[in-house]
PDB file of all heavy atoms in Angstrom:
ATOM      1  N   GLY A   1      -1.612   8.460  -9.691  1.00  0.00           N
ATOM      2  CA  GLY A   1      -1.977   7.740  -8.476  1.00  0.00           C
ATOM      3  C   GLY A   1      -3.452   7.877  -8.136  1.00  0.00           C
ATOM      4  O   GLY A   1      -4.133   6.876  -7.869  1.00  0.00           O
ATOM      5  N   LEU A   2      -3.972   9.102  -8.161  1.00  0.00           N
ATOM      6  CA  LEU A   2      -5.369   9.334  -7.819  1.00  0.00           C
ATOM      7  C   LEU A   2      -6.314   8.683  -8.822  1.00  0.00           C
ATOM      8  O   LEU A   2      -7.315   8.067  -8.445  1.00  0.00           O
ATOM      9  CB  LEU A   2      -5.652  10.837  -7.766  1.00  0.00           C
ATOM     10  CG  LEU A   2      -5.590  11.523  -6.398  1.00  0.00           C
ATOM     11  CD1 LEU A   2      -5.842  13.018  -6.564  1.00  0.00           C
ATOM     12  CD2 LEU A   2      -6.591  10.923  -5.435  1.00  0.00           C
ATOM     13  N   ALA A   3      -6.011   8.824 -10.118  1.00  0.00           N
ATOM     14  CA  ALA A   3      -6.885   8.270 -11.145  1.00  0.00           C
ATOM     15  C   ALA A   3      -6.957   6.745 -11.043  1.00  0.00           C
ATOM     16  O   ALA A   3      -8.041   6.155 -11.084  1.00  0.00           O
ATOM     17  CB  ALA A   3      -6.399   8.699 -12.528  1.00  0.00           C
ATOM     18  N   LEU A   4      -5.818   6.100 -10.905  1.00  0.00           N
ATOM     19  CA  LEU A   4      -5.796   4.638 -10.806  1.00  0.00           C
ATOM     20  C   LEU A   4      -6.484   4.158  -9.534  1.00  0.00           C
ATOM     21  O   LEU A   4      -7.217   3.162  -9.546  1.00  0.00           O
ATOM     22  CB  LEU A   4      -4.349   4.137 -10.847  1.00  0.00           C
ATOM     23  CG  LEU A   4      -3.618   4.306 -12.181  1.00  0.00           C
ATOM     24  CD1 LEU A   4      -2.141   3.971 -12.020  1.00  0.00           C
ATOM     25  CD2 LEU A   4      -4.249   3.440 -13.259  1.00  0.00           C
ATOM     26  N   PHE A   5      -6.253   4.873  -8.431  1.00  0.00           N
ATOM     27  CA  PHE A   5      -6.902   4.502  -7.170  1.00  0.00           C
ATOM     28  C   PHE A   5      -8.415   4.649  -7.275  1.00  0.00           C
ATOM     29  O   PHE A   5      -9.169   3.772  -6.843  1.00  0.00           O
ATOM     30  CB  PHE A   5      -6.373   5.378  -6.036  1.00  0.00           C
ATOM     31  CG  PHE A   5      -7.050   5.146  -4.715  1.00  0.00           C
ATOM     32  CD1 PHE A   5      -6.634   4.132  -3.883  1.00  0.00           C
ATOM     33  CD2 PHE A   5      -8.117   5.941  -4.310  1.00  0.00           C
ATOM     34  CE1 PHE A   5      -7.266   3.894  -2.669  1.00  0.00           C
ATOM     35  CE2 PHE A   5      -8.756   5.723  -3.100  1.00  0.00           C
ATOM     36  CZ  PHE A   5      -8.333   4.697  -2.281  1.00  0.00           C
ATOM     37  N   ALA A   6      -8.868   5.757  -7.858  1.00  0.00           N
ATOM     38  CA  ALA A   6     -10.301   5.992  -7.977  1.00  0.00           C
ATOM     39  C   ALA A   6     -10.979   4.925  -8.820  1.00  0.00           C
ATOM     40  O   ALA A   6     -12.093   4.476  -8.514  1.00  0.00           O
ATOM     41  CB  ALA A   6     -10.547   7.377  -8.576  1.00  0.00           C
ATOM     42  N   LEU A   7     -10.317   4.485  -9.885  1.00  0.00           N
ATOM     43  CA  LEU A   7     -10.894   3.458 -10.752  1.00  0.00           C
ATOM     44  C   LEU A   7     -10.830   2.072 -10.116  1.00  0.00           C
ATOM     45  O   LEU A   7     -11.780   1.288 -10.195  1.00  0.00           O
ATOM     46  CB  LEU A   7     -10.152   3.440 -12.098  1.00  0.00           C
ATOM     47  CG  LEU A   7     -10.335   4.674 -12.998  1.00  0.00           C
ATOM     48  CD1 LEU A   7      -9.361   4.626 -14.165  1.00  0.00           C
ATOM     49  CD2 LEU A   7     -11.767   4.762 -13.489  1.00  0.00           C
ATOM     50  N   GLY A   8      -9.710   1.753  -9.479  1.00  0.00           N
ATOM     51  CA  GLY A   8      -9.527   0.407  -8.940  1.00  0.00           C
ATOM     52  C   GLY A   8     -10.263   0.136  -7.652  1.00  0.00           C
ATOM     53  O   GLY A   8     -10.704  -0.998  -7.403  1.00  0.00           O
ATOM     54  N   SER A   9     -10.438   1.166  -6.812  1.00  0.00           N
ATOM     55  CA  SER A   9     -11.033   0.933  -5.494  1.00  0.00           C
ATOM     56  C   SER A   9     -12.509   0.573  -5.563  1.00  0.00           C
ATOM     57  O   SER A   9     -13.057   0.027  -4.608  1.00  0.00           O
ATOM     58  CB  SER A   9     -10.840   2.168  -4.600  1.00  0.00           C
ATOM     59  OG  SER A   9     -11.378   3.329  -5.196  1.00  0.00           O
ATOM     60  N   ARG A  10     -13.173   0.826  -6.679  1.00  0.00           N
ATOM     61  CA  ARG A  10     -14.573   0.436  -6.810  1.00  0.00           C
ATOM     62  C   ARG A  10     -14.711  -1.069  -7.097  1.00  0.00           C
ATOM     63  O   ARG A  10     -15.802  -1.616  -6.990  1.00  0.00           O
ATOM     64  CB  ARG A  10     -15.239   1.227  -7.938  1.00  0.00           C
ATOM     65  CG  ARG A  10     -14.665   0.949  -9.320  1.00  0.00           C
ATOM     66  CD  ARG A  10     -15.541   1.480 -10.444  1.00  0.00           C
ATOM     67  NE  ARG A  10     -15.787   2.901 -10.306  1.00  0.00           N
ATOM     68  CZ  ARG A  10     -16.587   3.571 -11.133  1.00  0.00           C
ATOM     69  NH1 ARG A  10     -17.168   2.956 -12.144  1.00  0.00           N
ATOM     70  NH2 ARG A  10     -16.774   4.856 -10.954  1.00  0.00           N
ATOM     71  N   MET A  11     -13.612  -1.707  -7.480  1.00  0.00           N
ATOM     72  CA  MET A  11     -13.662  -3.116  -7.869  1.00  0.00           C
ATOM     73  C   MET A  11     -13.283  -4.068  -6.747  1.00  0.00           C
ATOM     74  O   MET A  11     -13.406  -5.291  -6.895  1.00  0.00           O
ATOM     75  CB  MET A  11     -12.730  -3.360  -9.068  1.00  0.00           C
ATOM     76  CG  MET A  11     -13.042  -2.505 -10.273  1.00  0.00           C
ATOM     77  SD  MET A  11     -11.860  -2.762 -11.615  1.00  0.00           S
ATOM     78  CE  MET A  11     -12.373  -1.471 -12.756  1.00  0.00           C
ATOM     79  N   LEU A  12     -12.783  -3.525  -5.625  1.00  0.00           N
ATOM     80  CA  LEU A  12     -12.289  -4.360  -4.530  1.00  0.00           C
ATOM     81  C   LEU A  12     -12.973  -3.981  -3.221  1.00  0.00           C
ATOM     82  O   LEU A  12     -13.345  -2.825  -3.030  1.00  0.00           O
ATOM     83  CB  LEU A  12     -10.774  -4.183  -4.361  1.00  0.00           C
ATOM     84  CG  LEU A  12      -9.874  -4.463  -5.557  1.00  0.00           C
ATOM     85  CD1 LEU A  12      -8.431  -4.157  -5.182  1.00  0.00           C
ATOM     86  CD2 LEU A  12     -10.002  -5.906  -6.014  1.00  0.00           C
ATOM     87  N   PRO A  13     -13.105  -4.932  -2.298  1.00  0.00           N
ATOM     88  CA  PRO A  13     -13.555  -4.588  -0.949  1.00  0.00           C
ATOM     89  C   PRO A  13     -12.567  -3.609  -0.316  1.00  0.00           C
ATOM     90  O   PRO A  13     -11.362  -3.659  -0.615  1.00  0.00           O
ATOM     91  CB  PRO A  13     -13.559  -5.934  -0.214  1.00  0.00           C
ATOM     92  CG  PRO A  13     -13.648  -6.955  -1.297  1.00  0.00           C
ATOM     93  CD  PRO A  13     -12.909  -6.381  -2.466  1.00  0.00           C
ATOM     94  N   PRO A  14     -13.027  -2.710   0.552  1.00  0.00           N
ATOM     95  CA  PRO A  14     -12.133  -1.707   1.143  1.00  0.00           C
ATOM     96  C   PRO A  14     -10.888  -2.293   1.801  1.00  0.00           C
ATOM     97  O   PRO A  14      -9.794  -1.740   1.666  1.00  0.00           O
ATOM     98  CB  PRO A  14     -13.034  -1.004   2.167  1.00  0.00           C
ATOM     99  CG  PRO A  14     -14.405  -1.134   1.608  1.00  0.00           C
ATOM    100  CD  PRO A  14     -14.439  -2.485   0.942  1.00  0.00           C
ATOM    101  N   ILE A  15     -11.033  -3.416   2.512  1.00  0.00           N
ATOM    102  CA  ILE A  15      -9.861  -3.973   3.196  1.00  0.00           C
ATOM    103  C   ILE A  15      -8.817  -4.469   2.198  1.00  0.00           C
ATOM    104  O   ILE A  15      -7.614  -4.389   2.440  1.00  0.00           O
ATOM    105  CB  ILE A  15     -10.266  -5.102   4.184  1.00  0.00           C
ATOM    106  CG1 ILE A  15      -9.045  -5.472   5.041  1.00  0.00           C
ATOM    107  CG2 ILE A  15     -10.830  -6.314   3.447  1.00  0.00           C
ATOM    108  CD1 ILE A  15      -9.378  -6.430   6.168  1.00  0.00           C
ATOM    109  N   GLU A  16      -9.259  -4.979   1.045  1.00  0.00           N
ATOM    110  CA  GLU A  16      -8.324  -5.429   0.022  1.00  0.00           C
ATOM    111  C   GLU A  16      -7.560  -4.234  -0.550  1.00  0.00           C
ATOM    112  O   GLU A  16      -6.334  -4.285  -0.712  1.00  0.00           O
ATOM    113  CB  GLU A  16      -9.094  -6.130  -1.098  1.00  0.00           C
ATOM    114  CG  GLU A  16      -9.941  -7.302  -0.657  1.00  0.00           C
ATOM    115  CD  GLU A  16      -9.193  -8.604  -0.725  1.00  0.00           C
ATOM    116  OE1 GLU A  16      -8.095  -8.631  -1.288  1.00  0.00           O
ATOM    117  OE2 GLU A  16      -9.713  -9.603  -0.209  1.00  0.00           O
ATOM    118  N   THR A  17      -8.282  -3.166  -0.856  1.00  0.00           N
ATOM    119  CA  THR A  17      -7.646  -1.959  -1.375  1.00  0.00           C
ATOM    120  C   THR A  17      -6.636  -1.416  -0.375  1.00  0.00           C
ATOM    121  O   THR A  17      -5.497  -1.079  -0.732  1.00  0.00           O
ATOM    122  CB  THR A  17      -8.707  -0.885  -1.668  1.00  0.00           C
ATOM    123  OG1 THR A  17      -9.664  -1.400  -2.595  1.00  0.00           O
ATOM    124  CG2 THR A  17      -8.077   0.362  -2.250  1.00  0.00           C
ATOM    125  N   ALA A  18      -7.038  -1.337   0.882  1.00  0.00           N
ATOM    126  CA  ALA A  18      -6.167  -0.783   1.920  1.00  0.00           C
ATOM    127  C   ALA A  18      -4.934  -1.646   2.129  1.00  0.00           C
ATOM    128  O   ALA A  18      -3.834  -1.135   2.351  1.00  0.00           O
ATOM    129  CB  ALA A  18      -6.945  -0.639   3.221  1.00  0.00           C
ATOM    130  N   LEU A  19      -5.111  -2.953   2.063  1.00  0.00           N
ATOM    131  CA  LEU A  19      -3.988  -3.866   2.283  1.00  0.00           C
ATOM    132  C   LEU A  19      -2.922  -3.672   1.214  1.00  0.00           C
ATOM    133  O   LEU A  19      -1.720  -3.661   1.511  1.00  0.00           O
ATOM    134  CB  LEU A  19      -4.498  -5.311   2.288  1.00  0.00           C
ATOM    135  CG  LEU A  19      -3.468  -6.410   2.573  1.00  0.00           C
ATOM    136  CD1 LEU A  19      -2.804  -6.181   3.921  1.00  0.00           C
ATOM    137  CD2 LEU A  19      -4.141  -7.775   2.535  1.00  0.00           C
ATOM    138  N   ILE A  20      -3.348  -3.511  -0.029  1.00  0.00           N
ATOM    139  CA  ILE A  20      -2.388  -3.328  -1.112  1.00  0.00           C
ATOM    140  C   ILE A  20      -1.686  -1.977  -0.987  1.00  0.00           C
ATOM    141  O   ILE A  20      -0.472  -1.867  -1.208  1.00  0.00           O
ATOM    142  CB  ILE A  20      -3.083  -3.460  -2.475  1.00  0.00           C
ATOM    143  CG1 ILE A  20      -3.621  -4.875  -2.645  1.00  0.00           C
ATOM    144  CG2 ILE A  20      -2.117  -3.142  -3.618  1.00  0.00           C
ATOM    145  CD1 ILE A  20      -4.531  -5.054  -3.832  1.00  0.00           C
ATOM    146  N   THR A  21      -2.432  -0.930  -0.618  1.00  0.00           N
ATOM    147  CA  THR A  21      -1.793   0.386  -0.476  1.00  0.00           C
ATOM    148  C   THR A  21      -0.783   0.404   0.670  1.00  0.00           C
ATOM    149  O   THR A  21       0.072   1.292   0.721  1.00  0.00           O
ATOM    150  CB  THR A  21      -2.836   1.497  -0.248  1.00  0.00           C
ATOM    151  OG1 THR A  21      -3.589   1.228   0.935  1.00  0.00           O
ATOM    152  CG2 THR A  21      -3.775   1.610  -1.438  1.00  0.00           C
ATOM    153  N   ALA A  22      -0.861  -0.576   1.574  1.00  0.00           N
ATOM    154  CA  ALA A  22       0.127  -0.670   2.652  1.00  0.00           C
ATOM    155  C   ALA A  22       1.522  -0.950   2.101  1.00  0.00           C
ATOM    156  O   ALA A  22       2.529  -0.751   2.796  1.00  0.00           O
ATOM    157  CB  ALA A  22      -0.274  -1.757   3.647  1.00  0.00           C
ATOM    158  N   LEU A  23       1.599  -1.415   0.846  1.00  0.00           N
ATOM    159  CA  LEU A  23       2.896  -1.658   0.218  1.00  0.00           C
ATOM    160  C   LEU A  23       3.665  -0.364  -0.015  1.00  0.00           C
ATOM    161  O   LEU A  23       4.856  -0.398  -0.310  1.00  0.00           O
ATOM    162  CB  LEU A  23       2.705  -2.381  -1.123  1.00  0.00           C
ATOM    163  CG  LEU A  23       2.194  -3.826  -1.062  1.00  0.00           C
ATOM    164  CD1 LEU A  23       1.889  -4.332  -2.466  1.00  0.00           C
ATOM    165  CD2 LEU A  23       3.208  -4.722  -0.373  1.00  0.00           C
ATOM    166  N   ASP A  24       2.997   0.766   0.112  1.00  0.00           N
ATOM    167  CA  ASP A  24       3.654   2.068  -0.032  1.00  0.00           C
ATOM    168  C   ASP A  24       4.827   2.193   0.932  1.00  0.00           C
ATOM    169  O   ASP A  24       5.901   2.694   0.572  1.00  0.00           O
ATOM    170  CB  ASP A  24       2.624   3.169   0.225  1.00  0.00           C
ATOM    171  CG  ASP A  24       3.193   4.561   0.020  1.00  0.00           C
ATOM    172  OD1 ASP A  24       4.336   4.668  -0.431  1.00  0.00           O
ATOM    173  OD2 ASP A  24       2.476   5.538   0.309  1.00  0.00           O
ATOM    174  N   ALA A  25       4.637   1.708   2.173  1.00  0.00           N
ATOM    175  CA  ALA A  25       5.681   1.859   3.204  1.00  0.00           C
ATOM    176  C   ALA A  25       6.989   1.162   2.832  1.00  0.00           C
ATOM    177  O   ALA A  25       8.056   1.780   2.902  1.00  0.00           O
ATOM    178  CB  ALA A  25       5.157   1.363   4.550  1.00  0.00           C
ATOM    179  N   PRO A  26       6.976  -0.128   2.448  1.00  0.00           N
ATOM    180  CA  PRO A  26       8.243  -0.764   2.092  1.00  0.00           C
ATOM    181  C   PRO A  26       8.767  -0.373   0.715  1.00  0.00           C
ATOM    182  O   PRO A  26       9.970  -0.520   0.449  1.00  0.00           O
ATOM    183  CB  PRO A  26       7.910  -2.262   2.132  1.00  0.00           C
ATOM    184  CG  PRO A  26       6.452  -2.349   1.879  1.00  0.00           C
ATOM    185  CD  PRO A  26       5.874  -1.117   2.526  1.00  0.00           C
ATOM    186  N   LEU A  27       7.904   0.121  -0.183  1.00  0.00           N
ATOM    187  CA  LEU A  27       8.370   0.500  -1.515  1.00  0.00           C
ATOM    188  C   LEU A  27       9.151   1.810  -1.498  1.00  0.00           C
ATOM    189  O   LEU A  27      10.122   1.967  -2.244  1.00  0.00           O
ATOM    190  CB  LEU A  27       7.182   0.622  -2.478  1.00  0.00           C
ATOM    191  CG  LEU A  27       6.604  -0.673  -3.038  1.00  0.00           C
ATOM    192  CD1 LEU A  27       5.311  -0.392  -3.799  1.00  0.00           C
ATOM    193  CD2 LEU A  27       7.619  -1.361  -3.947  1.00  0.00           C
ATOM    194  N   ALA A  28       8.730   2.755  -0.653  1.00  0.00           N
ATOM    195  CA  ALA A  28       9.355   4.078  -0.633  1.00  0.00           C
ATOM    196  C   ALA A  28      10.872   4.018  -0.414  1.00  0.00           C
ATOM    197  O   ALA A  28      11.636   4.644  -1.166  1.00  0.00           O
ATOM    198  CB  ALA A  28       8.687   4.953   0.421  1.00  0.00           C
ATOM    199  N   PRO A  29      11.379   3.269   0.597  1.00  0.00           N
ATOM    200  CA  PRO A  29      12.837   3.227   0.776  1.00  0.00           C
ATOM    201  C   PRO A  29      13.567   2.512  -0.356  1.00  0.00           C
ATOM    202  O   PRO A  29      14.751   2.758  -0.583  1.00  0.00           O
ATOM    203  CB  PRO A  29      13.015   2.475   2.105  1.00  0.00           C
ATOM    204  CG  PRO A  29      11.744   1.733   2.308  1.00  0.00           C
ATOM    205  CD  PRO A  29      10.681   2.572   1.688  1.00  0.00           C
ATOM    206  N   VAL A  30      12.865   1.636  -1.084  1.00  0.00           N
ATOM    207  CA  VAL A  30      13.496   0.958  -2.219  1.00  0.00           C
ATOM    208  C   VAL A  30      13.837   1.962  -3.314  1.00  0.00           C
ATOM    209  O   VAL A  30      14.938   1.927  -3.889  1.00  0.00           O
ATOM    210  CB  VAL A  30      12.571  -0.150  -2.780  1.00  0.00           C
ATOM    211  CG1 VAL A  30      13.131  -0.705  -4.086  1.00  0.00           C
ATOM    212  CG2 VAL A  30      12.407  -1.267  -1.769  1.00  0.00           C
ATOM    213  N   TRP A  31      12.905   2.879  -3.599  1.00  0.00           N
ATOM    214  CA  TRP A  31      13.173   3.904  -4.611  1.00  0.00           C
ATOM    215  C   TRP A  31      14.347   4.783  -4.188  1.00  0.00           C
ATOM    216  O   TRP A  31      15.208   5.119  -5.022  1.00  0.00           O
ATOM    217  CB  TRP A  31      11.935   4.776  -4.826  1.00  0.00           C
ATOM    218  CG  TRP A  31      10.757   4.074  -5.415  1.00  0.00           C
ATOM    219  CD1 TRP A  31       9.505   3.966  -4.869  1.00  0.00           C
ATOM    220  CD2 TRP A  31      10.687   3.386  -6.671  1.00  0.00           C
ATOM    221  NE1 TRP A  31       8.677   3.255  -5.692  1.00  0.00           N
ATOM    222  CE2 TRP A  31       9.371   2.889  -6.802  1.00  0.00           C
ATOM    223  CE3 TRP A  31      11.601   3.149  -7.685  1.00  0.00           C
ATOM    224  CZ2 TRP A  31       8.958   2.163  -7.925  1.00  0.00           C
ATOM    225  CZ3 TRP A  31      11.195   2.423  -8.807  1.00  0.00           C
ATOM    226  CH2 TRP A  31       9.889   1.944  -8.913  1.00  0.00           C
ATOM    227  N   VAL A  32      14.377   5.169  -2.913  1.00  0.00           N
ATOM    228  CA  VAL A  32      15.466   6.023  -2.424  1.00  0.00           C
ATOM    229  C   VAL A  32      16.799   5.288  -2.536  1.00  0.00           C
ATOM    230  O   VAL A  32      17.829   5.877  -2.879  1.00  0.00           O
ATOM    231  CB  VAL A  32      15.192   6.448  -0.961  1.00  0.00           C
ATOM    232  CG1 VAL A  32      16.368   7.235  -0.411  1.00  0.00           C
ATOM    233  CG2 VAL A  32      13.919   7.278  -0.882  1.00  0.00           C
ATOM    234  N   TRP A  33      16.792   3.987  -2.264  1.00  0.00           N
ATOM    235  CA  TRP A  33      18.015   3.179  -2.398  1.00  0.00           C
ATOM    236  C   TRP A  33      18.469   3.110  -3.851  1.00  0.00           C
ATOM    237  O   TRP A  33      19.650   3.266  -4.164  1.00  0.00           O
ATOM    238  CB  TRP A  33      17.764   1.781  -1.849  1.00  0.00           C
ATOM    239  CG  TRP A  33      18.862   0.802  -2.174  1.00  0.00           C
ATOM    240  CD1 TRP A  33      20.143   0.812  -1.711  1.00  0.00           C
ATOM    241  CD2 TRP A  33      18.772  -0.316  -3.066  1.00  0.00           C
ATOM    242  NE1 TRP A  33      20.859  -0.244  -2.244  1.00  0.00           N
ATOM    243  CE2 TRP A  33      20.031  -0.941  -3.076  1.00  0.00           C
ATOM    244  CE3 TRP A  33      17.734  -0.846  -3.828  1.00  0.00           C
ATOM    245  CZ2 TRP A  33      20.279  -2.085  -3.848  1.00  0.00           C
ATOM    246  CZ3 TRP A  33      17.978  -1.967  -4.583  1.00  0.00           C
ATOM    247  CH2 TRP A  33      19.238  -2.587  -4.601  1.00  0.00           C
ATOM    248  N   LEU A  34      17.523   2.896  -4.773  1.00  0.00           N
ATOM    249  CA  LEU A  34      17.869   2.781  -6.190  1.00  0.00           C
ATOM    250  C   LEU A  34      18.417   4.086  -6.752  1.00  0.00           C
ATOM    251  O   LEU A  34      19.381   4.080  -7.532  1.00  0.00           O
ATOM    252  CB  LEU A  34      16.630   2.352  -6.992  1.00  0.00           C
ATOM    253  CG  LEU A  34      16.178   0.896  -6.842  1.00  0.00           C
ATOM    254  CD1 LEU A  34      14.853   0.678  -7.554  1.00  0.00           C
ATOM    255  CD2 LEU A  34      17.239  -0.054  -7.398  1.00  0.00           C
ATOM    256  N   ILE A  35      17.828   5.220  -6.375  1.00  0.00           N
ATOM    257  CA  ILE A  35      18.208   6.505  -6.962  1.00  0.00           C
ATOM    258  C   ILE A  35      19.364   7.160  -6.222  1.00  0.00           C
ATOM    259  O   ILE A  35      20.321   7.646  -6.824  1.00  0.00           O
ATOM    260  CB  ILE A  35      17.001   7.463  -6.986  1.00  0.00           C
ATOM    261  CG1 ILE A  35      15.831   6.837  -7.761  1.00  0.00           C
ATOM    262  CG2 ILE A  35      17.395   8.794  -7.611  1.00  0.00           C
ATOM    263  CD1 ILE A  35      16.141   6.509  -9.207  1.00  0.00           C
ATOM    264  N   PHE A  36      19.299   7.160  -4.890  1.00  0.00           N
ATOM    265  CA  PHE A  36      20.295   7.875  -4.095  1.00  0.00           C
ATOM    266  C   PHE A  36      21.358   6.957  -3.494  1.00  0.00           C
ATOM    267  O   PHE A  36      22.331   7.441  -2.918  1.00  0.00           O
ATOM    268  CB  PHE A  36      19.612   8.651  -2.962  1.00  0.00           C
ATOM    269  CG  PHE A  36      18.713   9.752  -3.441  1.00  0.00           C
ATOM    270  CD1 PHE A  36      17.341   9.611  -3.382  1.00  0.00           C
ATOM    271  CD2 PHE A  36      19.233  10.922  -3.962  1.00  0.00           C
ATOM    272  CE1 PHE A  36      16.491  10.626  -3.824  1.00  0.00           C
ATOM    273  CE2 PHE A  36      18.401  11.939  -4.409  1.00  0.00           C
ATOM    274  CZ  PHE A  36      17.030  11.786  -4.353  1.00  0.00           C
ATOM    275  N   GLY A  37      21.164   5.649  -3.606  1.00  0.00           N
ATOM    276  CA  GLY A  37      22.127   4.717  -3.028  1.00  0.00           C
ATOM    277  C   GLY A  37      22.122   4.707  -1.519  1.00  0.00           C
ATOM    278  O   GLY A  37      23.101   4.287  -0.891  1.00  0.00           O
ATOM    279  N   GLU A  38      21.037   5.165  -0.931  1.00  0.00           N
ATOM    280  CA  GLU A  38      20.932   5.214   0.528  1.00  0.00           C
ATOM    281  C   GLU A  38      20.793   3.798   1.098  1.00  0.00           C
ATOM    282  O   GLU A  38      19.967   3.005   0.635  1.00  0.00           O
ATOM    283  CB  GLU A  38      19.729   6.060   0.927  1.00  0.00           C
ATOM    284  CG  GLU A  38      19.656   6.393   2.395  1.00  0.00           C
ATOM    285  CD  GLU A  38      18.550   7.408   2.678  1.00  0.00           C
ATOM    286  OE1 GLU A  38      18.765   8.602   2.383  1.00  0.00           O
ATOM    287  OE2 GLU A  38      17.488   7.004   3.174  1.00  0.00           O
ATOM    288  N   VAL A  39      21.596   3.478   2.085  1.00  0.00           N
ATOM    289  CA  VAL A  39      21.596   2.140   2.662  1.00  0.00           C
ATOM    290  C   VAL A  39      20.265   1.871   3.382  1.00  0.00           C
ATOM    291  O   VAL A  39      19.771   2.725   4.119  1.00  0.00           O
ATOM    292  CB  VAL A  39      22.768   1.971   3.661  1.00  0.00           C
ATOM    293  CG1 VAL A  39      22.716   0.594   4.319  1.00  0.00           C
ATOM    294  CG2 VAL A  39      24.091   2.160   2.934  1.00  0.00           C
ATOM    295  N   ILE A  40      19.709   0.700   3.131  1.00  0.00           N
ATOM    296  CA  ILE A  40      18.457   0.315   3.781  1.00  0.00           C
ATOM    297  C   ILE A  40      18.786  -0.429   5.078  1.00  0.00           C
ATOM    298  O   ILE A  40      19.566  -1.397   5.076  1.00  0.00           O
ATOM    299  CB  ILE A  40      17.603  -0.585   2.863  1.00  0.00           C
ATOM    300  CG1 ILE A  40      17.294   0.139   1.554  1.00  0.00           C
ATOM    301  CG2 ILE A  40      16.316  -0.989   3.555  1.00  0.00           C
ATOM    302  CD1 ILE A  40      16.506  -0.691   0.572  1.00  0.00           C
ATOM    303  N   ARG A  41      18.218   0.000   6.180  1.00  0.00           N
ATOM    304  CA  ARG A  41      18.478  -0.625   7.472  1.00  0.00           C
ATOM    305  C   ARG A  41      17.914  -2.041   7.519  1.00  0.00           C
ATOM    306  O   ARG A  41      16.996  -2.396   6.789  1.00  0.00           O
ATOM    307  CB  ARG A  41      17.856   0.211   8.598  1.00  0.00           C
ATOM    308  CG  ARG A  41      18.385   1.624   8.716  1.00  0.00           C
ATOM    309  CD  ARG A  41      17.710   2.354   9.866  1.00  0.00           C
ATOM    310  NE  ARG A  41      16.258   2.331   9.714  1.00  0.00           N
ATOM    311  CZ  ARG A  41      15.414   2.026  10.687  1.00  0.00           C
ATOM    312  NH1 ARG A  41      15.875   1.683  11.885  1.00  0.00           N
ATOM    313  NH2 ARG A  41      14.108   2.041  10.486  1.00  0.00           N
ATOM    314  N   ARG A  42      18.483  -2.849   8.420  1.00  0.00           N
ATOM    315  CA  ARG A  42      17.997  -4.219   8.574  1.00  0.00           C
ATOM    316  C   ARG A  42      16.539  -4.250   9.002  1.00  0.00           C
ATOM    317  O   ARG A  42      15.762  -5.104   8.556  1.00  0.00           O
ATOM    318  CB  ARG A  42      18.853  -4.964   9.625  1.00  0.00           C
ATOM    319  CG  ARG A  42      20.241  -5.358   9.145  1.00  0.00           C
ATOM    320  CD  ARG A  42      20.966  -6.136  10.214  1.00  0.00           C
ATOM    321  NE  ARG A  42      21.096  -5.366  11.453  1.00  0.00           N
ATOM    322  CZ  ARG A  42      21.565  -5.865  12.600  1.00  0.00           C
ATOM    323  NH1 ARG A  42      21.940  -7.138  12.659  1.00  0.00           N
ATOM    324  NH2 ARG A  42      21.673  -5.105  13.668  1.00  0.00           N
ATOM    325  N   GLU A  43      16.155  -3.309   9.869  1.00  0.00           N
ATOM    326  CA  GLU A  43      14.759  -3.257  10.322  1.00  0.00           C
ATOM    327  C   GLU A  43      13.813  -2.978   9.143  1.00  0.00           C
ATOM    328  O   GLU A  43      12.708  -3.520   9.075  1.00  0.00           O
ATOM    329  CB  GLU A  43      14.586  -2.171  11.383  1.00  0.00           C
ATOM    330  CG  GLU A  43      15.311  -2.438  12.696  1.00  0.00           C
ATOM    331  CD  GLU A  43      16.756  -2.006  12.657  1.00  0.00           C
ATOM    332  OE1 GLU A  43      17.219  -1.562  11.580  1.00  0.00           O
ATOM    333  OE2 GLU A  43      17.434  -2.087  13.702  1.00  0.00           O
TER     334      GLU A  43
END
């Protein structure tokens, strides 16, 4: 994660980099659902 971020963030404006990293929030529960079968809330 750190290596890819360090290399990629020099190629994009800061707001573009930050916007993409915001995908961390919705991706995290997807992994938990796939591995643990935890139900994802409607919200």
